[in-house]
Amino acid sequence: MKKKVLMKKMAVFSLLVVAYAFVSHEGDCFEIVGGREVLPHSRPYMAYLNTLCGGALIKPNWVLSAAHCKKLKNIQVTLGAHSRNKNENTKQKFQVKTVVVHPHFNSTTYSNDLMLLQLNQSAALNKFVSTLPLPHSGKDVKAGIKCSVAGWGALRFGNQMEDKLREVNVTIIDRQTCNGPDYYEQFEISRSMLCAGDPKGGKDSCWGDSGSPLLCYEGYDLIYRGIVSFGINCGVAHKPGVYTLLTEEYLRWIQQTIQHYE
């Protein structure tokens, strides 16, 4: 679910190497690596996009996802799914009425990687389909905090997406460390991004997970804090997943955009 992208001009050889390895967790490296299948319908806010991405239902007729997931003119959204492929009577399917990509999204650096989808009608909320509350504040998430991410992405780089929803626990990694020479030195991990994974590798979001929500612990509560954005391969030590942080600025943009279209 993350897209591998090149962020700097390099020698041709370097470009080819990085281009192969760097995926937006959208289509080249995005499933849940090192995780487990979730209890069916225990994440009723999860949305599946036909662009091979995830998202979160934040209002009955609005889904929040990653901007780089806008790969098709006609995006379709499925809610209430555990299996992507099976006919489940819990599923609700929608056409997208309005696509709103963040106006400053940069497809090279993956900055401002978020997108709002207005559904053609409101979802029927029940125990299989419900909304995920946005955080009350856009504060940063400290290094060492445990988080959870779910998706239908691949189990490892190069694999096909999974059929059933899976999740993995990841740990926030210090931004300075993530910008260091052993991590993402050639790419800027800005203050509106989060790095999360496992220092030893083996736990990550992967291709097909792009746009899925990152929930982080505050006490015993899991709070919506980020969106799966990009990474290099999947589950690789020193190459954790990178997430869009739901900052105060982004939360204002989300609220203002929804108000504008309703």
Protein backbone atom coordinates (compact mmCIF):
# COMPACT_ATOMS: atom_id res chain seq x y z
CA MET A 1 0.00 0.00 0.00
CA LYS A 2 2.94 2.41 -0.25
CA LYS A 3 4.47 3.81 -3.47
CA LYS A 4 8.17 3.70 -4.08
CA VAL A 5 9.31 7.05 -5.31
CA LEU A 6 12.52 8.76 -6.21
CA MET A 7 13.09 11.96 -4.40
CA LYS A 8 16.37 13.20 -5.81
CA LYS A 9 18.17 13.20 -9.14
CA MET A 10 20.91 10.61 -9.03
CA ALA A 11 23.12 8.81 -11.46
CA VAL A 12 21.19 6.61 -13.88
CA PHE A 13 22.21 3.44 -12.09
CA SER A 14 21.16 4.79 -8.71
CA LEU A 15 17.86 5.92 -10.14
CA LEU A 16 17.11 2.46 -11.46
CA VAL A 17 17.99 0.81 -8.17
CA VAL A 18 15.93 3.20 -6.06
CA ALA A 19 13.03 3.18 -8.50
CA TYR A 20 12.77 -0.57 -8.12
CA ALA A 21 12.94 -0.50 -4.34
CA PHE A 22 10.94 2.61 -3.46
CA VAL A 23 7.20 2.04 -3.45
CA SER A 24 4.25 4.01 -2.27
CA HIS A 25 2.47 1.58 -0.11
CA GLU A 26 -0.07 1.65 -2.81
CA GLY A 27 0.88 -0.76 -5.46
CA ASP A 28 4.36 -2.10 -5.06
CA CYS A 29 4.84 -2.85 -1.40
CA PHE A 30 1.77 -2.80 0.58
CA GLU A 31 0.33 -5.44 2.66
CA ILE A 32 0.64 -6.05 6.30
CA VAL A 33 4.05 -7.61 6.92
CA GLY A 34 4.62 -9.56 10.13
CA GLY A 35 1.01 -9.16 11.24
CA ARG A 36 -2.09 -11.28 11.66
CA GLU A 37 -5.62 -11.57 10.34
CA VAL A 38 -8.01 -9.43 12.33
CA LEU A 39 -11.24 -10.67 13.89
CA PRO A 40 -13.76 -10.27 11.05
CA HIS A 41 -15.42 -6.84 11.04
CA SER A 42 -13.50 -5.67 14.12
CA ARG A 43 -12.29 -2.63 12.12
CA PRO A 44 -15.66 -1.40 10.79
CA TYR A 45 -14.22 1.93 9.65
CA MET A 46 -11.93 0.30 7.07
CA ALA A 47 -12.57 1.14 3.42
CA TYR A 48 -11.26 -0.71 0.38
CA LEU A 49 -10.64 1.27 -2.81
CA ASN A 50 -10.63 -0.30 -6.26
CA THR A 51 -7.33 1.54 -6.83
CA LEU A 52 -5.77 -1.14 -4.57
CA CYS A 53 -5.63 1.12 -1.54
CA GLY A 54 -7.25 1.44 1.85
CA GLY A 55 -8.93 4.30 3.66
CA ALA A 56 -11.01 5.20 6.69
CA LEU A 57 -14.67 6.18 6.86
CA ILE A 58 -14.63 9.45 8.84
CA LYS A 59 -18.23 10.48 8.14
CA PRO A 60 -21.11 8.44 6.70
CA ASN A 61 -20.33 9.81 3.22
CA TRP A 62 -16.62 10.69 3.46
CA VAL A 63 -13.50 8.50 3.29
CA LEU A 64 -9.97 9.70 4.08
CA SER A 65 -7.14 8.08 2.12
CA ALA A 66 -3.76 8.90 0.53
CA ALA A 67 -3.49 11.31 -2.41
CA HIS A 68 -1.26 8.97 -4.39
CA CYS A 69 -4.17 6.48 -4.47
CA LYS A 70 -5.96 8.59 -7.08
CA LYS A 71 -4.96 6.36 -9.98
CA LEU A 72 -8.32 5.91 -11.70
CA LYS A 73 -10.90 8.37 -12.93
CA ASN A 74 -13.74 6.38 -11.37
CA ILE A 75 -12.94 5.30 -7.82
CA GLN A 76 -15.19 2.77 -6.10
CA VAL A 77 -15.28 2.23 -2.35
CA THR A 78 -16.29 -0.90 -0.44
CA LEU A 79 -17.19 -0.75 3.25
CA GLY A 80 -18.02 -3.58 5.64
CA ALA A 81 -15.56 -6.02 4.07
CA HIS A 82 -13.36 -8.62 5.72
CA SER A 83 -12.62 -10.54 2.52
CA ARG A 84 -11.88 -8.50 -0.59
CA ASN A 85 -13.05 -11.24 -2.93
CA LYS A 86 -15.92 -13.08 -1.25
CA ASN A 87 -19.54 -12.04 -1.45
CA GLU A 88 -20.28 -10.84 2.09
CA ASN A 89 -23.74 -9.52 2.93
CA THR A 90 -22.07 -6.98 5.22
CA LYS A 91 -20.52 -5.13 2.28
CA GLN A 92 -21.72 -1.75 1.07
CA LYS A 93 -20.38 -0.47 -2.25
CA PHE A 94 -20.28 3.13 -3.42
CA GLN A 95 -19.27 5.28 -6.33
CA VAL A 96 -17.24 8.36 -5.47
CA LYS A 97 -19.03 11.64 -6.12
CA THR A 98 -16.13 13.99 -5.40
CA VAL A 99 -12.37 13.44 -5.17
CA VAL A 100 -10.43 16.13 -3.30
CA VAL A 101 -6.65 15.73 -3.30
CA HIS A 102 -4.73 18.00 -0.94
CA PRO A 103 -3.83 21.07 -3.03
CA HIS A 104 -0.14 20.84 -2.12
CA PHE A 105 0.36 17.13 -2.67
CA ASN A 106 3.77 16.44 -4.21
CA SER A 107 3.98 13.13 -6.06
CA THR A 108 7.79 13.16 -5.90
CA THR A 109 8.32 13.81 -2.20
CA TYR A 110 4.93 12.46 -1.07
CA SER A 111 4.42 15.52 1.08
CA ASN A 112 0.76 16.35 1.86
CA ASP A 113 -0.23 12.81 0.85
CA LEU A 114 -3.91 12.82 1.74
CA MET A 115 -7.18 12.78 -0.15
CA LEU A 116 -10.88 13.01 0.68
CA LEU A 117 -13.52 10.96 -1.14
CA GLN A 118 -17.16 12.02 -1.01
CA LEU A 119 -19.40 9.00 -1.55
CA ASN A 120 -22.43 9.21 -3.82
CA GLN A 121 -24.62 8.47 -0.79
CA SER A 122 -24.24 7.97 2.94
CA ALA A 123 -23.33 4.56 4.29
CA ALA A 124 -25.83 2.73 6.50
CA LEU A 125 -24.00 2.63 9.83
CA ASN A 126 -24.18 -0.60 11.80
CA LYS A 127 -21.84 -2.99 13.63
CA PHE A 128 -20.07 -3.80 10.34
CA VAL A 129 -19.74 -0.23 9.05
CA SER A 130 -18.98 2.73 11.30
CA THR A 131 -16.90 5.89 11.31
CA LEU A 132 -13.42 6.41 12.74
CA PRO A 133 -13.20 9.65 14.75
CA LEU A 134 -10.55 12.13 13.74
CA PRO A 135 -8.18 13.13 16.56
CA HIS A 136 -9.10 16.15 18.68
CA SER A 137 -5.65 17.61 18.07
CA GLY A 138 -2.91 17.23 15.49
CA LYS A 139 -0.07 16.75 17.93
CA ASP A 140 3.07 14.85 17.03
CA VAL A 141 3.51 11.22 18.09
CA LYS A 142 6.58 10.56 20.21
CA ALA A 143 9.19 7.97 19.35
CA GLY A 144 8.59 4.65 21.06
CA ILE A 145 4.79 4.92 20.97
CA LYS A 146 3.08 1.71 19.83
CA CYS A 147 0.66 1.93 16.92
CA SER A 148 -1.49 -0.38 14.81
CA VAL A 149 -2.15 -0.41 11.08
CA ALA A 150 -4.54 -2.66 9.14
CA GLY A 151 -5.00 -3.34 5.47
CA TRP A 152 -5.39 -5.80 2.65
CA GLY A 153 -1.84 -5.22 1.38
CA ALA A 154 0.77 -7.79 0.46
CA LEU A 155 2.54 -9.90 3.08
CA ARG A 156 5.90 -9.20 1.49
CA PHE A 157 7.38 -7.10 -1.28
CA GLY A 158 6.43 -8.38 -4.73
CA ASN A 159 3.49 -10.49 -3.54
CA GLN A 160 -0.15 -10.02 -4.46
CA MET A 161 -2.51 -8.30 -2.06
CA GLU A 162 -4.14 -10.38 0.64
CA ASP A 163 -7.79 -11.36 0.52
CA LYS A 164 -8.57 -10.86 4.21
CA LEU A 165 -7.96 -7.84 6.41
CA ARG A 166 -4.79 -8.04 8.48
CA GLU A 167 -3.11 -5.81 11.04
CA VAL A 168 0.34 -5.31 12.53
CA ASN A 169 1.71 -3.43 15.52
CA VAL A 170 4.48 -0.96 14.74
CA THR A 171 6.56 1.46 16.80
CA ILE A 172 7.12 5.16 16.07
CA ILE A 173 10.75 5.84 15.16
CA ASP A 174 12.42 9.15 15.96
CA ARG A 175 12.28 11.53 12.98
CA GLN A 176 15.95 12.44 13.30
CA THR A 177 16.87 8.77 13.21
CA CYS A 178 14.60 8.21 10.21
CA ASN A 179 16.38 11.03 8.35
CA GLY A 180 19.78 9.52 9.19
CA PRO A 181 22.29 7.84 6.86
CA ASP A 182 21.12 4.30 7.66
CA TYR A 183 17.45 5.14 7.07
CA TYR A 184 15.98 7.71 4.63
CA GLU A 185 18.87 10.16 4.32
CA GLN A 186 18.19 10.81 0.63
CA PHE A 187 14.50 11.55 1.31
CA GLU A 188 13.14 14.20 3.66
CA ILE A 189 10.93 12.84 6.43
CA SER A 190 9.26 16.12 7.36
CA ARG A 191 7.41 17.12 10.51
CA SER A 192 4.14 16.25 8.77
CA MET A 193 5.29 12.64 8.38
CA LEU A 194 5.82 9.74 10.77
CA CYS A 195 8.14 6.75 10.56
CA ALA A 196 6.86 3.52 12.09
CA GLY A 197 8.01 -0.07 11.97
CA ASP A 198 10.31 -2.39 13.88
CA PRO A 199 14.03 -1.62 14.36
CA LYS A 200 14.79 -5.23 13.45
CA GLY A 201 12.47 -5.21 10.45
CA GLY A 202 9.73 -7.71 9.72
CA LYS A 203 6.77 -5.50 10.70
CA ASP A 204 5.38 -3.02 8.23
CA SER A 205 2.58 -1.93 5.97
CA CYS A 206 3.13 -2.96 2.36
CA TRP A 207 1.77 -2.45 -1.15
CA GLY A 208 -1.98 -2.34 -1.09
CA ASP A 209 -2.04 -0.73 2.37
CA SER A 210 -1.63 2.85 1.10
CA GLY A 211 -4.25 5.19 2.51
CA SER A 212 -5.04 2.92 5.47
CA PRO A 213 -5.23 4.55 8.91
CA LEU A 214 -2.44 4.42 11.50
CA LEU A 215 -3.85 4.25 15.04
CA CYS A 216 -1.54 5.01 17.96
CA TYR A 217 -1.95 4.27 21.64
CA GLU A 218 -2.70 7.00 24.15
CA GLY A 219 -3.10 5.10 27.38
CA TYR A 220 -5.47 2.28 26.51
CA ASP A 221 -7.06 4.16 23.61
CA LEU A 222 -6.13 3.91 19.95
CA ILE A 223 -6.22 7.32 18.24
CA TYR A 224 -6.24 7.99 14.49
CA ARG A 225 -2.86 9.66 13.89
CA GLY A 226 -1.67 8.89 10.38
CA ILE A 227 -2.19 7.58 6.86
CA VAL A 228 -0.05 4.94 5.12
CA SER A 229 2.05 6.78 2.53
CA PHE A 230 5.28 5.20 1.28
CA GLY A 231 8.33 3.08 2.03
CA ILE A 232 11.24 1.14 0.58
CA ASN A 233 10.39 -2.53 0.13
CA CYS A 234 8.39 -3.93 3.05
CA GLY A 235 9.45 -4.92 6.54
CA VAL A 236 13.10 -4.02 5.92
CA ALA A 237 15.23 -2.99 8.91
CA HIS A 238 16.10 0.73 8.80
CA LYS A 239 13.45 1.32 6.11
CA PRO A 240 10.26 1.67 8.17
CA GLY A 241 6.94 2.70 6.70
CA VAL A 242 6.33 6.42 6.28
CA TYR A 243 2.94 7.87 7.19
CA THR A 244 1.23 11.21 6.73
CA LEU A 245 0.76 12.69 10.21
CA LEU A 246 -2.70 14.17 10.85
CA THR A 247 -1.45 17.61 11.86
CA GLU A 248 -3.56 20.58 12.97
CA GLU A 249 -3.23 22.01 9.46
CA TYR A 250 -4.48 18.82 7.86
CA LEU A 251 -7.36 18.49 10.31
CA ARG A 252 -8.47 22.04 9.45
CA TRP A 253 -8.25 21.25 5.74
CA ILE A 254 -10.34 18.11 6.21
CA GLN A 255 -13.07 19.94 8.14
CA GLN A 256 -13.12 22.92 5.76
CA THR A 257 -13.25 20.69 2.69
CA ILE A 258 -16.16 18.66 4.02
CA GLN A 259 -18.05 21.84 4.97
CA HIS A 260 -17.46 23.26 1.49
CA TYR A 261 -18.99 20.27 -0.29
CA GLU A 262 -21.95 19.75 2.04
